């Protein structure tokens, strides 16, 4: 008599869990659209029966690699700097892909040649989908990949006419809240150090500043940086030359705000007595500047997690919203 144990199947797991075979398949394939209680029931049945998903066989049948690419269109000197945005995005994406048992492929695209390589890599089927973060201008990469049938989700609203789905934070609302805080505290000459105007974060934070300032009948005083500490210092010195009487500045990133604080100190301006300073991001550094920085918190890690969730759903054929905007939050410290 043959006493060999029959290998558990998807059908047996479905029967044990009281769900459809399709639901079991979605759970073991890492889809994020299954309700948590149903997912737990399925996973309990998987463990009780000793079901082991055959990832290699499934990949051959479905043409899936169980890998997702995160593309960062920035030079390595910025990605591996003290800018905590990129580590936060990578951390959030990694956490979500780990839960879904997917591999992360990290790719940098700072040149036309690297864009071409990424297009070829994705079109060859080496990954199941692509996330694009920190998009500059009307970068054609997301739309090109989408036209070729590659699942794509962007971090930040794509500029131009692209219809690629995206996940972003409320930069306009966050900037407006920061300026409102300065207005309500009695500041009259409120300047801004804006971010790059080929990036949606820089564009939207400047728009929020201008909209709120217009509503308070104050004039705009603008300098532009590139989200680095050095550019914040240069822009702050420029603003002081343009308007020596300014009494507040909204800075579109905490790193630029750190540079601005140094420039103000060198100019003999006291913060917040002479000039109030508000940043944007709420990176760890903001708690340790002198004085501690009032800022707008954006949920960077959650942004990465949501980016991965949306791509996993899209790659699984599940419906997703065309865009998702996460809320920001004002964090008041001693600088304003």
Protein backbone atom coordinates (compact mmCIF):
# COMPACT_ATOMS: atom_id res chain seq x y z
CA UNK A 1 0.00 0.00 0.00
CA UNK A 2 1.28 3.45 -0.90
CA UNK A 3 1.49 5.50 2.31
CA UNK A 4 3.08 8.54 0.69
CA UNK A 5 1.39 11.69 1.86
CA UNK A 6 -0.46 13.62 -0.86
CA UNK A 7 0.89 17.13 -1.28
CA UNK A 8 -1.67 19.78 -0.18
CA UNK A 9 -3.18 21.77 -3.03
CA UNK A 10 -4.71 25.22 -3.36
CA UNK A 11 -8.13 23.56 -3.52
CA UNK A 12 -7.57 21.84 -0.14
CA UNK A 13 -6.42 25.09 1.43
CA UNK A 14 -9.50 26.86 0.03
CA UNK A 15 -11.78 24.14 1.44
CA UNK A 16 -10.15 24.33 4.87
CA UNK A 17 -10.34 28.14 4.94
CA UNK A 18 -13.86 28.32 3.53
CA UNK A 19 -12.88 30.65 0.70
CA UNK A 20 -12.45 30.40 -3.05
CA UNK A 21 -9.36 29.05 -4.77
CA UNK A 22 -8.83 32.51 -6.28
CA UNK A 23 -8.72 34.08 -2.82
CA UNK A 24 -6.10 31.58 -1.66
CA UNK A 25 -4.09 32.30 -4.79
CA UNK A 26 -4.22 36.05 -4.13
CA UNK A 27 -3.06 35.58 -0.53
CA UNK A 28 -0.09 33.33 -1.36
CA UNK A 29 0.84 35.63 -4.26
CA UNK A 30 1.02 38.61 -1.93
CA UNK A 31 -1.98 40.63 -3.12
CA UNK A 32 -2.77 43.47 -0.69
CA UNK A 33 -6.49 43.61 -1.54
CA UNK A 34 -7.55 40.66 0.66
CA UNK A 35 -9.11 41.66 3.99
CA UNK A 36 -6.77 41.04 6.97
CA UNK A 37 -9.15 38.59 8.72
CA UNK A 38 -9.55 36.52 5.54
CA UNK A 39 -5.79 36.62 4.96
CA UNK A 40 -5.23 35.32 8.51
CA UNK A 41 -7.76 32.51 7.97
CA UNK A 42 -6.06 31.45 4.73
CA UNK A 43 -2.58 31.57 6.25
CA UNK A 44 -3.77 29.49 9.20
CA UNK A 45 -5.10 26.86 6.76
CA UNK A 46 -1.79 27.00 4.87
CA UNK A 47 0.12 26.27 8.08
CA UNK A 48 -2.26 23.55 9.28
CA UNK A 49 -2.07 21.66 5.98
CA UNK A 50 1.62 22.31 5.44
CA UNK A 51 0.98 23.84 2.03
CA UNK A 52 4.18 25.13 0.38
CA UNK A 53 3.69 27.50 -2.60
CA UNK A 54 5.78 26.47 -5.57
CA UNK A 55 7.26 29.86 -6.41
CA UNK A 56 9.41 28.61 -9.26
CA UNK A 57 6.53 26.80 -10.97
CA UNK A 58 4.21 29.73 -10.43
CA UNK A 59 6.72 32.12 -11.94
CA UNK A 60 6.99 29.96 -15.06
CA UNK A 61 3.22 29.81 -15.46
CA UNK A 62 2.48 33.46 -14.70
CA UNK A 63 5.69 34.90 -16.18
CA UNK A 64 6.33 36.57 -12.83
CA UNK A 65 9.73 37.19 -11.30
CA UNK A 66 8.53 38.12 -7.79
CA UNK A 67 10.78 41.19 -8.07
CA UNK A 68 9.87 44.88 -8.12
CA UNK A 69 12.15 47.72 -9.20
CA UNK A 70 12.51 51.05 -7.41
CA UNK A 71 14.00 53.63 -9.78
CA UNK A 72 15.66 56.74 -8.32
CA UNK A 73 16.34 59.36 -11.03
CA UNK A 74 19.08 61.03 -8.97
CA UNK A 75 22.90 60.91 -8.88
CA UNK A 76 24.33 58.51 -6.32
CA UNK A 77 25.93 61.43 -4.44
CA UNK A 78 22.45 62.63 -3.49
CA UNK A 79 20.87 59.23 -2.84
CA UNK A 80 23.70 58.25 -0.49
CA UNK A 81 23.92 61.62 1.25
CA UNK A 82 22.44 62.83 4.55
CA UNK A 83 19.08 63.43 2.82
CA UNK A 84 16.75 61.09 4.73
CA UNK A 85 14.07 61.10 2.04
CA UNK A 86 15.63 58.31 -0.01
CA UNK A 87 16.45 55.96 2.90
CA UNK A 88 12.89 56.51 4.16
CA UNK A 89 11.33 55.62 0.80
CA UNK A 90 13.57 52.55 0.43
CA UNK A 91 12.74 51.45 3.98
CA UNK A 92 8.98 51.72 3.40
CA UNK A 93 9.10 49.94 0.04
CA UNK A 94 11.31 47.19 1.49
CA UNK A 95 8.97 46.60 4.43
CA UNK A 96 5.94 46.16 2.20
CA UNK A 97 7.71 43.93 -0.33
CA UNK A 98 9.09 41.77 2.48
CA UNK A 99 5.55 41.11 3.71
CA UNK A 100 4.53 40.20 0.14
CA UNK A 101 7.63 37.97 -0.27
CA UNK A 102 8.92 40.03 -3.18
CA UNK A 103 12.46 41.08 -3.98
CA UNK A 104 13.48 44.74 -4.32
CA UNK A 105 15.67 45.76 -7.25
CA UNK A 106 17.17 49.22 -6.69
CA UNK A 107 18.05 51.13 -9.87
CA UNK A 108 19.49 54.63 -10.36
CA UNK A 109 18.63 56.64 -13.46
CA UNK A 110 20.70 59.80 -13.63
CA UNK A 111 21.48 59.73 -17.37
CA UNK A 112 19.87 58.98 -20.73
CA UNK A 113 21.92 55.78 -20.98
CA UNK A 114 20.69 54.56 -17.59
CA UNK A 115 17.09 55.32 -18.62
CA UNK A 116 17.59 53.15 -21.71
CA UNK A 117 19.02 50.30 -19.64
CA UNK A 118 16.08 50.43 -17.24
CA UNK A 119 13.57 50.37 -20.11
CA UNK A 120 15.30 47.34 -21.63
CA UNK A 121 15.54 45.59 -18.26
CA UNK A 122 11.84 46.08 -17.48
CA UNK A 123 10.69 45.18 -20.98
CA UNK A 124 12.71 41.96 -20.84
CA UNK A 125 10.49 40.87 -17.96
CA UNK A 126 13.17 40.90 -15.27
CA UNK A 127 10.78 42.63 -12.83
CA UNK A 128 7.01 42.51 -12.35
CA UNK A 129 6.63 46.26 -11.97
CA UNK A 130 8.43 49.56 -11.46
CA UNK A 131 8.19 52.33 -8.87
CA UNK A 132 9.71 55.69 -9.89
CA UNK A 133 10.64 58.16 -7.14
CA UNK A 134 11.90 61.76 -7.26
CA UNK A 135 10.82 62.45 -10.85
CA UNK A 136 12.34 65.52 -12.53
CA UNK A 137 10.40 67.47 -15.14
CA UNK A 138 8.30 65.58 -17.67
CA UNK A 139 10.56 62.51 -17.35
CA UNK A 140 9.38 60.14 -20.14
CA UNK A 141 10.44 56.96 -18.30
CA UNK A 142 7.18 56.26 -16.36
CA UNK A 143 4.92 56.88 -19.38
CA UNK A 144 7.21 54.89 -21.70
CA UNK A 145 7.14 51.86 -19.41
CA UNK A 146 3.36 52.14 -18.97
CA UNK A 147 2.84 52.24 -22.75
CA UNK A 148 4.89 49.05 -23.02
CA UNK A 149 2.58 47.28 -20.57
CA UNK A 150 4.87 47.43 -17.52
CA UNK A 151 2.97 48.18 -14.27
CA UNK A 152 4.27 51.56 -13.04
CA UNK A 153 3.51 53.79 -10.04
CA UNK A 154 5.22 57.14 -9.37
CA UNK A 155 6.16 58.80 -6.11
CA UNK A 156 4.89 62.32 -6.76
CA UNK A 157 2.51 63.63 -9.40
CA UNK A 158 4.10 63.26 -12.85
CA UNK A 159 4.43 66.56 -14.68
CA UNK A 160 3.07 67.00 -18.18
CA UNK A 161 0.20 64.90 -19.53
CA UNK A 162 1.18 61.57 -18.01
CA UNK A 163 -1.67 59.44 -16.63
CA UNK A 164 0.62 57.08 -14.68
CA UNK A 165 -0.83 56.45 -11.18
CA UNK A 166 1.02 58.12 -8.31
CA UNK A 167 1.31 58.42 -4.55
CA UNK A 168 2.20 61.81 -3.09
CA UNK A 169 1.97 63.94 0.06
CA UNK A 170 -0.06 67.13 0.40
CA UNK A 171 2.79 69.55 -0.28
CA UNK A 172 0.47 72.43 -1.20
CA UNK A 173 -1.56 72.07 2.00
CA UNK A 174 1.53 71.53 4.15
CA UNK A 175 3.22 74.67 2.81
CA UNK A 176 0.04 76.70 3.28
CA UNK A 177 -0.21 75.51 6.90
CA UNK A 178 3.41 76.56 7.54
CA UNK A 179 2.85 80.04 6.13
CA UNK A 180 -0.44 80.40 8.02
CA UNK A 181 1.44 79.60 11.24
CA UNK A 182 3.89 82.43 10.49
CA UNK A 183 1.12 84.88 9.57
CA UNK A 184 -0.85 84.09 12.72
CA UNK A 185 2.27 84.63 14.84
CA UNK A 186 2.45 88.20 13.49
CA UNK A 187 5.26 87.90 10.94
CA UNK A 188 5.00 90.50 8.19
CA UNK A 189 7.82 89.89 5.67
CA UNK A 190 7.70 86.15 5.01
CA UNK A 191 10.16 84.77 2.47
CA UNK A 192 10.57 81.25 1.12
CA UNK A 193 13.42 79.05 -0.03
CA UNK A 194 11.66 76.93 -2.66
CA UNK A 195 12.76 73.55 -3.95
CA UNK A 196 13.73 72.78 -7.57
CA UNK A 197 11.08 73.94 -10.00
CA UNK A 198 11.44 70.83 -12.19
CA UNK A 199 10.15 68.66 -9.31
CA UNK A 200 6.54 68.48 -8.19
CA UNK A 201 7.50 68.82 -4.50
CA UNK A 202 9.30 72.10 -5.22
CA UNK A 203 6.49 73.37 -7.43
CA UNK A 204 3.68 72.46 -5.03
CA UNK A 205 5.36 73.86 -1.89
CA UNK A 206 5.99 77.16 -3.66
CA UNK A 207 2.35 77.19 -4.82
CA UNK A 208 1.12 76.62 -1.26
CA UNK A 209 3.35 79.45 0.02
CA UNK A 210 2.15 81.90 -2.63
CA UNK A 211 -1.54 81.03 -2.22
CA UNK A 212 -1.50 81.50 1.54
CA UNK A 213 0.56 84.69 1.33
CA UNK A 214 -1.81 86.19 -1.24
CA UNK A 215 -4.70 85.57 1.11
CA UNK A 216 -2.94 87.60 3.82
CA UNK A 217 -2.09 90.53 1.48
CA UNK A 218 1.65 89.98 1.90
CA UNK A 219 4.13 89.96 -0.99
CA UNK A 220 6.20 86.96 -2.04
CA UNK A 221 9.97 86.96 -1.46
CA UNK A 222 11.43 83.90 -3.20
CA UNK A 223 14.80 82.21 -3.57
CA UNK A 224 15.26 78.70 -5.00
CA UNK A 225 17.46 75.87 -3.73
CA UNK A 226 17.97 72.23 -4.68
CA UNK A 227 16.99 70.51 -1.40
CA UNK A 228 20.61 70.46 -0.16
CA UNK A 229 22.02 72.11 2.97
CA UNK A 230 24.47 74.17 0.91
CA UNK A 231 21.77 75.61 -1.35
CA UNK A 232 19.73 76.60 1.71
CA UNK A 233 22.63 78.65 3.07
CA UNK A 234 23.23 80.35 -0.31
CA UNK A 235 19.51 81.12 -0.76
CA UNK A 236 19.23 82.54 2.77
CA UNK A 237 22.12 84.92 2.17
CA UNK A 238 20.47 86.00 -1.09
CA UNK A 239 17.16 86.66 0.69
CA UNK A 240 18.86 88.78 3.36
CA UNK A 241 20.49 90.85 0.63
CA UNK A 242 17.19 91.25 -1.24
CA UNK A 243 15.19 92.19 1.87
CA UNK A 244 17.21 92.87 5.04
CA UNK A 245 13.97 93.43 6.96
CA UNK A 246 12.43 89.99 6.40
CA UNK A 247 11.26 88.43 9.65
CA UNK A 248 10.33 84.87 8.62
CA UNK A 249 11.21 82.20 6.07
CA UNK A 250 9.43 79.03 5.01
CA UNK A 251 11.98 76.52 3.67
CA UNK A 252 10.85 73.67 1.40
CA UNK A 253 13.06 71.05 3.07
CA UNK A 254 14.66 70.54 6.49
CA UNK A 255 18.14 70.15 5.02
CA UNK A 256 17.85 73.53 3.30
CA UNK A 257 16.45 74.96 6.55
CA UNK A 258 19.55 73.72 8.39
CA UNK A 259 21.71 75.61 5.90
CA UNK A 260 19.49 78.68 6.31
CA UNK A 261 19.87 78.59 10.11
CA UNK A 262 23.65 78.63 9.71
CA UNK A 263 23.50 81.59 7.32
CA UNK A 264 21.24 83.51 9.71
CA UNK A 265 23.59 82.83 12.60
CA UNK A 266 26.56 84.07 10.55
CA UNK A 267 24.59 87.23 9.68
CA UNK A 268 23.93 87.90 13.38
CA UNK A 269 20.18 87.22 13.13
CA UNK A 270 18.55 85.54 16.11
CA UNK A 271 16.05 82.72 15.54
CA UNK A 272 13.17 83.13 16.20
CA UNK A 273 13.51 86.63 17.71
CA UNK A 274 14.64 88.30 14.49
CA UNK A 275 13.70 85.70 11.89
CA UNK A 276 11.35 82.73 12.35
CA UNK A 277 12.17 79.58 10.34
CA UNK A 278 9.84 76.74 9.31
CA UNK A 279 11.04 73.69 7.36
CA UNK A 280 9.40 70.76 5.62
CA UNK A 281 9.95 66.98 6.10
CA UNK A 282 10.52 66.50 9.86
CA UNK A 283 13.68 64.47 9.42
CA UNK A 284 15.56 63.48 12.58
CA UNK A 285 17.92 66.44 12.20
CA UNK A 286 15.02 68.86 12.80
CA UNK A 287 14.94 67.94 16.50
CA UNK A 288 18.63 68.73 16.96
CA UNK A 289 19.16 72.03 15.12
CA UNK A 290 19.81 75.16 17.15
CA UNK A 291 17.09 76.06 17.90
CA UNK A 292 14.98 72.91 17.21
CA UNK A 293 13.20 73.35 13.89
CA UNK A 294 9.48 73.94 13.48
CA UNK A 295 8.54 71.98 10.38
CA UNK A 296 5.87 70.17 8.37
CA UNK A 297 5.98 66.40 8.79
CA UNK A 298 5.55 64.28 5.70
CA UNK A 299 5.14 60.50 6.27
CA UNK A 300 8.17 59.39 4.23
CA UNK A 301 8.25 55.72 5.26
CA UNK A 302 4.48 55.38 4.83
CA UNK A 303 4.86 57.01 1.41
CA UNK A 304 7.23 54.20 0.44
CA UNK A 305 4.91 51.55 1.85
CA UNK A 306 1.91 52.93 -0.04
CA UNK A 307 3.97 53.15 -3.22
CA UNK A 308 4.73 49.43 -2.94
CA UNK A 309 1.13 48.52 -2.03
CA UNK A 310 -0.21 50.29 -5.09
CA UNK A 311 2.30 48.61 -7.39
CA UNK A 312 1.60 45.16 -5.94
CA UNK A 313 -2.11 45.65 -6.55
CA UNK A 314 -1.54 46.96 -10.07
CA UNK A 315 0.79 44.07 -10.95
CA UNK A 316 -1.78 41.59 -9.60
CA UNK A 317 -4.46 43.05 -11.88
CA UNK A 318 -6.40 44.58 -9.02
CA UNK A 319 -8.05 48.01 -9.47
CA UNK A 320 -6.29 51.00 -7.88
CA UNK A 321 -7.04 54.69 -7.57
CA UNK A 322 -5.33 56.92 -10.19
CA UNK A 323 -3.66 58.84 -7.38
CA UNK A 324 -3.32 58.91 -3.59
CA UNK A 325 -2.31 61.93 -1.50
CA UNK A 326 -1.14 61.41 2.09
CA UNK A 327 -1.70 64.14 4.71
CA UNK A 328 1.02 66.31 6.26
CA UNK A 329 1.20 67.63 9.81
CA UNK A 330 2.59 70.78 11.41
CA UNK A 331 5.21 70.17 14.13
CA UNK A 332 5.87 73.28 16.25
CA UNK A 333 9.27 73.61 17.93
CA UNK A 334 11.38 76.61 18.96
CA UNK A 335 12.42 78.11 15.59
CA UNK A 336 8.97 79.60 14.88
